[in-house]
Amino acid sequence: MISFSSQVMSTGTILRTFTSRMATSYARNQLLSRRIQLHDERTSTLKQKHVIHYPFASICREMSNKTESIPSFYDRYVFPEPPRLVSDEEHDTVIEKVNECMANHGRLFAVIQIASKQFKVTDHDLVRTTGYLDAEVGDRIRLEKILLVGGTDFTLVGRPIIRRSLVRVEASVVEKSPGVVKVIQRFIRTANFEKKKLYTPLHTVLRINSIEVNPQLDNCNESASS
């Protein structure tokens, strides 16, 4: 006759197992509630110190209350007041002062843009650009993209470029020649792959002949500082 006593648990064993599981669950719940309490205390302390730190659980708790909004990091930023509007009298005074500085300017400088590159130049400077310009050697050209021009006591800043009626920058084409040959090589050892290409950049050399500004600045939409 086969006995099943070894496979059947007694009532005392079942009670002890249930009691131990209940105790484990109770301790786990107590630990979780203690952690939530500590988190709430720490969050309230951080709120008082104006330090924003909101984990996901705290955000969910704040979102449950529809009457309150979730504080953001940008709430601590104080936006500056807008600048005061300049009156017509002050504007005319600035224009008059800039005109006086432009009439008695010394050596001028300018920031020009050629072939997507910017150069700060003055009279008789040499500028080497990338690529051939559509002009022959010895031709005199006028540069159109003038970003900034200034002297000793004034500066005119374009938005983004200065009008043609305010500044005139002329240059002469001195040289058009190829540059140093560059080797572009790609090599992969494991794939037994090798590719080599020779590249010769082209350059155009310009000499800045003159930089001229209009000594009468009218009420235009140009930024002027003196």
C-alpha atoms as a PDB file:
ATOM      1  CA  MET A   1       0.000   0.000   0.000  1.00  0.00           C
ATOM      2  CA  ILE A   2       1.380   3.369  -1.030  1.00  0.00           C
ATOM      3  CA  SER A   3       1.449   6.168   1.544  1.00  0.00           C
ATOM      4  CA  PHE A   4       0.939   9.802   0.561  1.00  0.00           C
ATOM      5  CA  SER A   5       1.888  11.224   3.931  1.00  0.00           C
ATOM      6  CA  SER A   6       5.160  12.609   2.564  1.00  0.00           C
ATOM      7  CA  GLN A   7       3.345  14.580  -0.171  1.00  0.00           C
ATOM      8  CA  VAL A   8       0.566  16.036   1.965  1.00  0.00           C
ATOM      9  CA  MET A   9       1.456  19.103   4.076  1.00  0.00           C
ATOM     10  CA  SER A  10       0.069  19.308   7.540  1.00  0.00           C
ATOM     11  CA  THR A  11      -2.153  22.166   8.719  1.00  0.00           C
ATOM     12  CA  GLY A  12       0.598  23.547  10.924  1.00  0.00           C
ATOM     13  CA  THR A  13       3.038  23.711   8.028  1.00  0.00           C
ATOM     14  CA  ILE A  14       0.480  25.526   5.854  1.00  0.00           C
ATOM     15  CA  LEU A  15      -0.178  28.052   8.609  1.00  0.00           C
ATOM     16  CA  ARG A  16       3.508  28.669   9.182  1.00  0.00           C
ATOM     17  CA  THR A  17       4.101  29.173   5.430  1.00  0.00           C
ATOM     18  CA  PHE A  18       1.141  31.567   5.134  1.00  0.00           C
ATOM     19  CA  THR A  19       2.267  33.484   8.204  1.00  0.00           C
ATOM     20  CA  SER A  20       5.818  33.886   6.911  1.00  0.00           C
ATOM     21  CA  ARG A  21       4.557  35.108   3.539  1.00  0.00           C
ATOM     22  CA  MET A  22       2.216  37.587   5.169  1.00  0.00           C
ATOM     23  CA  ALA A  23       5.044  38.851   7.348  1.00  0.00           C
ATOM     24  CA  THR A  24       7.289  39.267   4.307  1.00  0.00           C
ATOM     25  CA  SER A  25       4.597  41.150   2.411  1.00  0.00           C
ATOM     26  CA  TYR A  26       3.882  43.369   5.424  1.00  0.00           C
ATOM     27  CA  ALA A  27       7.567  44.203   5.846  1.00  0.00           C
ATOM     28  CA  ARG A  28       7.857  44.951   2.151  1.00  0.00           C
ATOM     29  CA  ASN A  29       4.860  47.278   2.287  1.00  0.00           C
ATOM     30  CA  GLN A  30       6.237  49.020   5.342  1.00  0.00           C
ATOM     31  CA  LEU A  31       9.602  49.554   3.624  1.00  0.00           C
ATOM     32  CA  LEU A  32       7.901  50.921   0.495  1.00  0.00           C
ATOM     33  CA  SER A  33       5.742  53.315   2.505  1.00  0.00           C
ATOM     34  CA  ARG A  34       8.833  54.480   4.409  1.00  0.00           C
ATOM     35  CA  ARG A  35      10.642  55.156   1.145  1.00  0.00           C
ATOM     36  CA  ILE A  36       7.681  57.153  -0.179  1.00  0.00           C
ATOM     37  CA  GLN A  37       7.609  59.153   3.052  1.00  0.00           C
ATOM     38  CA  LEU A  38      11.335  59.914   2.839  1.00  0.00           C
ATOM     39  CA  HIS A  39      10.921  60.885  -0.804  1.00  0.00           C
ATOM     40  CA  ASP A  40       8.103  63.301   0.070  1.00  0.00           C
ATOM     41  CA  GLU A  41      10.178  64.876   2.821  1.00  0.00           C
ATOM     42  CA  ARG A  42      13.177  65.279   0.527  1.00  0.00           C
ATOM     43  CA  THR A  43      11.001  66.734  -2.263  1.00  0.00           C
ATOM     44  CA  SER A  44       9.463  69.283   0.085  1.00  0.00           C
ATOM     45  CA  THR A  45      12.950  70.282   1.255  1.00  0.00           C
ATOM     46  CA  LEU A  46      14.117  70.728  -2.319  1.00  0.00           C
ATOM     47  CA  LYS A  47      11.034  72.826  -3.091  1.00  0.00           C
ATOM     48  CA  GLN A  48      11.872  75.150  -0.222  1.00  0.00           C
ATOM     49  CA  LYS A  49      15.448  75.524  -1.518  1.00  0.00           C
ATOM     50  CA  HIS A  50      14.193  76.257  -5.068  1.00  0.00           C
ATOM     51  CA  VAL A  51      15.935  73.172  -6.438  1.00  0.00           C
ATOM     52  CA  ILE A  52      13.799  71.353  -8.990  1.00  0.00           C
ATOM     53  CA  HIS A  53      14.080  67.542  -8.850  1.00  0.00           C
ATOM     54  CA  TYR A  54      10.934  65.621  -9.787  1.00  0.00           C
ATOM     55  CA  PRO A  55      11.166  61.872 -10.442  1.00  0.00           C
ATOM     56  CA  PHE A  56       8.399  60.051 -12.248  1.00  0.00           C
ATOM     57  CA  ALA A  57       6.543  59.051  -9.089  1.00  0.00           C
ATOM     58  CA  SER A  58       6.405  62.609  -7.824  1.00  0.00           C
ATOM     59  CA  ILE A  59       5.256  63.877 -11.227  1.00  0.00           C
ATOM     60  CA  CYS A  60       2.402  61.351 -11.242  1.00  0.00           C
ATOM     61  CA  ARG A  61       1.425  62.454  -7.741  1.00  0.00           C
ATOM     62  CA  GLU A  62       1.419  66.105  -8.808  1.00  0.00           C
ATOM     63  CA  MET A  63      -0.567  65.334 -11.958  1.00  0.00           C
ATOM     64  CA  SER A  64      -3.276  63.651  -9.889  1.00  0.00           C
ATOM     65  CA  ASN A  65      -4.154  67.064  -8.451  1.00  0.00           C
ATOM     66  CA  LYS A  66      -5.517  69.087 -11.379  1.00  0.00           C
ATOM     67  CA  THR A  67      -5.524  72.364  -9.446  1.00  0.00           C
ATOM     68  CA  GLU A  68      -1.721  72.495  -9.162  1.00  0.00           C
ATOM     69  CA  SER A  69       0.777  72.875 -11.988  1.00  0.00           C
ATOM     70  CA  ILE A  70       4.060  71.003 -12.285  1.00  0.00           C
ATOM     71  CA  PRO A  71       6.997  73.353 -11.592  1.00  0.00           C
ATOM     72  CA  SER A  72       9.489  73.593 -14.426  1.00  0.00           C
ATOM     73  CA  PHE A  73      13.207  74.256 -14.517  1.00  0.00           C
ATOM     74  CA  TYR A  74      12.577  77.456 -16.457  1.00  0.00           C
ATOM     75  CA  ASP A  75      10.407  78.879 -13.666  1.00  0.00           C
ATOM     76  CA  ARG A  76      13.594  79.929 -11.898  1.00  0.00           C
ATOM     77  CA  TYR A  77      14.715  82.043 -14.864  1.00  0.00           C
ATOM     78  CA  VAL A  78      13.801  85.711 -14.595  1.00  0.00           C
ATOM     79  CA  PHE A  79      13.298  87.235 -18.019  1.00  0.00           C
ATOM     80  CA  PRO A  80      14.924  90.649 -18.470  1.00  0.00           C
ATOM     81  CA  GLU A  81      12.870  93.695 -19.174  1.00  0.00           C
ATOM     82  CA  PRO A  82      12.585  94.724 -22.839  1.00  0.00           C
ATOM     83  CA  PRO A  83      14.856  97.576 -23.943  1.00  0.00           C
ATOM     84  CA  ARG A  84      13.520 101.059 -23.805  1.00  0.00           C
ATOM     85  CA  LEU A  85      12.392 102.517 -27.111  1.00  0.00           C
ATOM     86  CA  VAL A  86      14.659 105.221 -28.487  1.00  0.00           C
ATOM     87  CA  SER A  87      12.964 108.504 -29.177  1.00  0.00           C
ATOM     88  CA  ASP A  88      13.320 110.399 -32.455  1.00  0.00           C
ATOM     89  CA  GLU A  89      15.559 113.018 -30.839  1.00  0.00           C
ATOM     90  CA  GLU A  90      17.978 110.403 -29.527  1.00  0.00           C
ATOM     91  CA  HIS A  91      17.959 108.626 -32.888  1.00  0.00           C
ATOM     92  CA  ASP A  92      18.813 111.846 -34.737  1.00  0.00           C
ATOM     93  CA  THR A  93      21.596 112.574 -32.243  1.00  0.00           C
ATOM     94  CA  VAL A  94      23.178 109.144 -32.826  1.00  0.00           C
ATOM     95  CA  ILE A  95      22.924 109.545 -36.621  1.00  0.00           C
ATOM     96  CA  GLU A  96      24.565 112.971 -36.447  1.00  0.00           C
ATOM     97  CA  LYS A  97      27.392 111.658 -34.269  1.00  0.00           C
ATOM     98  CA  VAL A  98      28.037 108.711 -36.600  1.00  0.00           C
ATOM     99  CA  ASN A  99      28.082 111.040 -39.629  1.00  0.00           C
ATOM    100  CA  GLU A 100      30.732 113.181 -37.941  1.00  0.00           C
ATOM    101  CA  CYS A 101      32.873 110.111 -37.230  1.00  0.00           C
ATOM    102  CA  MET A 102      32.454 108.855 -40.804  1.00  0.00           C
ATOM    103  CA  ALA A 103      33.445 112.238 -42.262  1.00  0.00           C
ATOM    104  CA  ASN A 104      36.717 112.254 -40.290  1.00  0.00           C
ATOM    105  CA  HIS A 105      37.583 108.582 -40.480  1.00  0.00           C
ATOM    106  CA  GLY A 106      41.078 107.203 -40.650  1.00  0.00           C
ATOM    107  CA  ARG A 107      42.050 103.890 -42.155  1.00  0.00           C
ATOM    108  CA  LEU A 108      38.982 101.739 -42.766  1.00  0.00           C
ATOM    109  CA  PHE A 109      38.558  97.995 -42.404  1.00  0.00           C
ATOM    110  CA  ALA A 110      35.814  95.686 -43.627  1.00  0.00           C
ATOM    111  CA  VAL A 111      34.582  92.126 -43.250  1.00  0.00           C
ATOM    112  CA  ILE A 112      33.804  90.642 -46.656  1.00  0.00           C
ATOM    113  CA  GLN A 113      32.409  87.291 -47.761  1.00  0.00           C
ATOM    114  CA  ILE A 114      33.798  85.472 -50.782  1.00  0.00           C
ATOM    115  CA  ALA A 115      33.023  81.868 -51.659  1.00  0.00           C
ATOM    116  CA  SER A 116      31.213  81.260 -48.347  1.00  0.00           C
ATOM    117  CA  LYS A 117      34.241  82.457 -46.355  1.00  0.00           C
ATOM    118  CA  GLN A 118      34.686  85.668 -44.390  1.00  0.00           C
ATOM    119  CA  PHE A 119      37.811  87.827 -44.402  1.00  0.00           C
ATOM    120  CA  LYS A 120      38.732  90.930 -42.436  1.00  0.00           C
ATOM    121  CA  VAL A 121      40.577  93.217 -44.844  1.00  0.00           C
ATOM    122  CA  THR A 122      41.914  96.739 -45.166  1.00  0.00           C
ATOM    123  CA  ASP A 123      43.576  98.694 -47.954  1.00  0.00           C
ATOM    124  CA  HIS A 124      46.230  96.884 -50.034  1.00  0.00           C
ATOM    125  CA  ASP A 125      45.612  93.492 -48.405  1.00  0.00           C
ATOM    126  CA  LEU A 126      45.971  90.224 -50.323  1.00  0.00           C
ATOM    127  CA  VAL A 127      43.163  87.667 -50.078  1.00  0.00           C
ATOM    128  CA  ARG A 128      43.372  84.110 -51.416  1.00  0.00           C
ATOM    129  CA  THR A 129      39.980  82.582 -52.175  1.00  0.00           C
ATOM    130  CA  THR A 130      38.977  79.052 -53.125  1.00  0.00           C
ATOM    131  CA  GLY A 131      38.054  78.486 -56.742  1.00  0.00           C
ATOM    132  CA  TYR A 132      38.362  80.626 -59.854  1.00  0.00           C
ATOM    133  CA  LEU A 133      36.333  83.826 -59.983  1.00  0.00           C
ATOM    134  CA  ASP A 134      34.571  84.864 -63.165  1.00  0.00           C
ATOM    135  CA  ALA A 135      37.173  87.552 -63.930  1.00  0.00           C
ATOM    136  CA  GLU A 136      40.489  87.710 -65.727  1.00  0.00           C
ATOM    137  CA  VAL A 137      43.835  88.621 -64.204  1.00  0.00           C
ATOM    138  CA  GLY A 138      44.123  92.389 -63.965  1.00  0.00           C
ATOM    139  CA  ASP A 139      40.380  93.081 -63.858  1.00  0.00           C
ATOM    140  CA  ARG A 140      39.014  95.430 -61.210  1.00  0.00           C
ATOM    141  CA  ILE A 141      35.897  94.159 -59.457  1.00  0.00           C
ATOM    142  CA  ARG A 142      33.569  95.395 -56.755  1.00  0.00           C
ATOM    143  CA  LEU A 143      32.797  93.141 -53.791  1.00  0.00           C
ATOM    144  CA  GLU A 144      29.104  93.046 -52.965  1.00  0.00           C
ATOM    145  CA  LYS A 145      28.800  91.073 -49.722  1.00  0.00           C
ATOM    146  CA  ILE A 146      30.107  93.491 -47.082  1.00  0.00           C
ATOM    147  CA  LEU A 147      29.142  92.311 -43.610  1.00  0.00           C
ATOM    148  CA  LEU A 148      30.834  95.022 -41.579  1.00  0.00           C
ATOM    149  CA  VAL A 149      32.824  98.198 -42.126  1.00  0.00           C
ATOM    150  CA  GLY A 150      34.417 100.443 -39.536  1.00  0.00           C
ATOM    151  CA  GLY A 151      37.083 102.936 -38.651  1.00  0.00           C
ATOM    152  CA  THR A 152      38.675 104.340 -35.531  1.00  0.00           C
ATOM    153  CA  ASP A 153      35.499 105.750 -33.944  1.00  0.00           C
ATOM    154  CA  PHE A 154      32.584 104.032 -35.694  1.00  0.00           C
ATOM    155  CA  THR A 155      31.360 100.677 -36.953  1.00  0.00           C
ATOM    156  CA  LEU A 156      28.548  99.855 -39.360  1.00  0.00           C
ATOM    157  CA  VAL A 157      27.083  96.358 -39.047  1.00  0.00           C
ATOM    158  CA  GLY A 158      24.920  94.872 -41.785  1.00  0.00           C
ATOM    159  CA  ARG A 159      21.836  92.753 -41.247  1.00  0.00           C
ATOM    160  CA  PRO A 160      23.175  90.609 -42.816  1.00  0.00           C
ATOM    161  CA  ILE A 161      24.988  92.822 -45.385  1.00  0.00           C
ATOM    162  CA  ILE A 162      25.415  96.577 -45.743  1.00  0.00           C
ATOM    163  CA  ARG A 163      23.617  98.428 -48.526  1.00  0.00           C
ATOM    164  CA  ARG A 164      25.510  99.331 -51.683  1.00  0.00           C
ATOM    165  CA  SER A 165      24.872 103.027 -51.133  1.00  0.00           C
ATOM    166  CA  LEU A 166      26.788 103.007 -47.826  1.00  0.00           C
ATOM    167  CA  VAL A 167      30.026 101.197 -48.625  1.00  0.00           C
ATOM    168  CA  ARG A 168      32.152 100.408 -51.671  1.00  0.00           C
ATOM    169  CA  VAL A 169      34.980  97.861 -51.631  1.00  0.00           C
ATOM    170  CA  GLU A 170      37.012  97.358 -54.815  1.00  0.00           C
ATOM    171  CA  ALA A 171      39.641  94.719 -55.533  1.00  0.00           C
ATOM    172  CA  SER A 172      41.871  93.609 -58.411  1.00  0.00           C
ATOM    173  CA  VAL A 173      42.503  90.063 -59.566  1.00  0.00           C
ATOM    174  CA  VAL A 174      46.230  89.451 -59.082  1.00  0.00           C
ATOM    175  CA  GLU A 175      46.631  85.737 -59.747  1.00  0.00           C
ATOM    176  CA  LYS A 176      44.656  82.633 -60.688  1.00  0.00           C
ATOM    177  CA  SER A 177      46.626  79.453 -60.140  1.00  0.00           C
ATOM    178  CA  PRO A 178      46.196  75.862 -58.929  1.00  0.00           C
ATOM    179  CA  GLY A 179      47.290  74.962 -55.440  1.00  0.00           C
ATOM    180  CA  VAL A 180      49.249  72.079 -53.973  1.00  0.00           C
ATOM    181  CA  VAL A 181      48.095  68.638 -55.124  1.00  0.00           C
ATOM    182  CA  LYS A 182      46.371  66.716 -52.327  1.00  0.00           C
ATOM    183  CA  VAL A 183      46.172  62.929 -52.112  1.00  0.00           C
ATOM    184  CA  ILE A 184      42.867  61.474 -50.927  1.00  0.00           C
ATOM    185  CA  GLN A 185      43.390  57.804 -50.071  1.00  0.00           C
ATOM    186  CA  ARG A 186      41.091  55.207 -48.584  1.00  0.00           C
ATOM    187  CA  PHE A 187      42.524  51.859 -47.502  1.00  0.00           C
ATOM    188  CA  ILE A 188      40.886  48.838 -45.810  1.00  0.00           C
ATOM    189  CA  ARG A 189      43.399  46.158 -44.866  1.00  0.00           C
ATOM    190  CA  THR A 190      40.992  43.317 -44.127  1.00  0.00           C
ATOM    191  CA  ALA A 191      39.023  43.788 -47.353  1.00  0.00           C
ATOM    192  CA  ASN A 192      42.092  44.278 -49.567  1.00  0.00           C
ATOM    193  CA  PHE A 193      40.596  47.569 -50.707  1.00  0.00           C
ATOM    194  CA  GLU A 194      42.566  50.636 -51.734  1.00  0.00           C
ATOM    195  CA  LYS A 195      41.393  53.760 -53.534  1.00  0.00           C
ATOM    196  CA  LYS A 196      43.497  56.816 -54.304  1.00  0.00           C
ATOM    197  CA  LYS A 197      42.465  60.144 -55.780  1.00  0.00           C
ATOM    198  CA  LEU A 198      44.441  63.271 -56.575  1.00  0.00           C
ATOM    199  CA  TYR A 199      42.796  66.630 -55.929  1.00  0.00           C
ATOM    200  CA  THR A 200      44.135  69.977 -57.098  1.00  0.00           C
ATOM    201  CA  PRO A 201      42.467  72.993 -55.449  1.00  0.00           C
ATOM    202  CA  LEU A 202      42.121  76.221 -57.409  1.00  0.00           C
ATOM    203  CA  HIS A 203      42.864  79.634 -55.900  1.00  0.00           C
ATOM    204  CA  THR A 204      42.279  83.260 -56.861  1.00  0.00           C
ATOM    205  CA  VAL A 205      44.368  86.006 -55.261  1.00  0.00           C
ATOM    206  CA  LEU A 206      42.755  89.429 -54.829  1.00  0.00           C
ATOM    207  CA  ARG A 207      44.283  92.727 -53.769  1.00  0.00           C
ATOM    208  CA  ILE A 208      42.007  95.155 -51.940  1.00  0.00           C
ATOM    209  CA  ASN A 209      42.355  98.521 -53.710  1.00  0.00           C
ATOM    210  CA  SER A 210      40.043 100.774 -51.727  1.00  0.00           C
ATOM    211  CA  ILE A 211      37.378 100.839 -49.027  1.00  0.00           C
ATOM    212  CA  GLU A 212      35.000 103.805 -49.154  1.00  0.00           C
ATOM    213  CA  VAL A 213      31.984 104.733 -47.047  1.00  0.00           C
ATOM    214  CA  ASN A 214      29.223 107.238 -47.628  1.00  0.00           C
ATOM    215  CA  PRO A 215      29.821 110.135 -45.165  1.00  0.00           C
ATOM    216  CA  GLN A 216      26.080 110.842 -44.945  1.00  0.00           C
ATOM    217  CA  LEU A 217      24.214 108.114 -43.066  1.00  0.00           C
ATOM    218  CA  ASP A 218      20.473 108.559 -43.549  1.00  0.00           C
ATOM    219  CA  ASN A 219      17.663 107.078 -41.445  1.00  0.00           C
ATOM    220  CA  CYS A 220      17.953 103.572 -42.845  1.00  0.00           C
ATOM    221  CA  ASN A 221      17.600 100.163 -41.262  1.00  0.00           C
ATOM    222  CA  GLU A 222      21.273  99.709 -40.548  1.00  0.00           C
ATOM    223  CA  SER A 223      22.845  99.062 -37.164  1.00  0.00           C
ATOM    224  CA  ALA A 224      25.316 101.795 -36.263  1.00  0.00           C
ATOM    225  CA  SER A 225      27.442 102.135 -33.171  1.00  0.00           C
ATOM    226  CA  SER A 226      29.910 104.824 -32.285  1.00  0.00           C
END
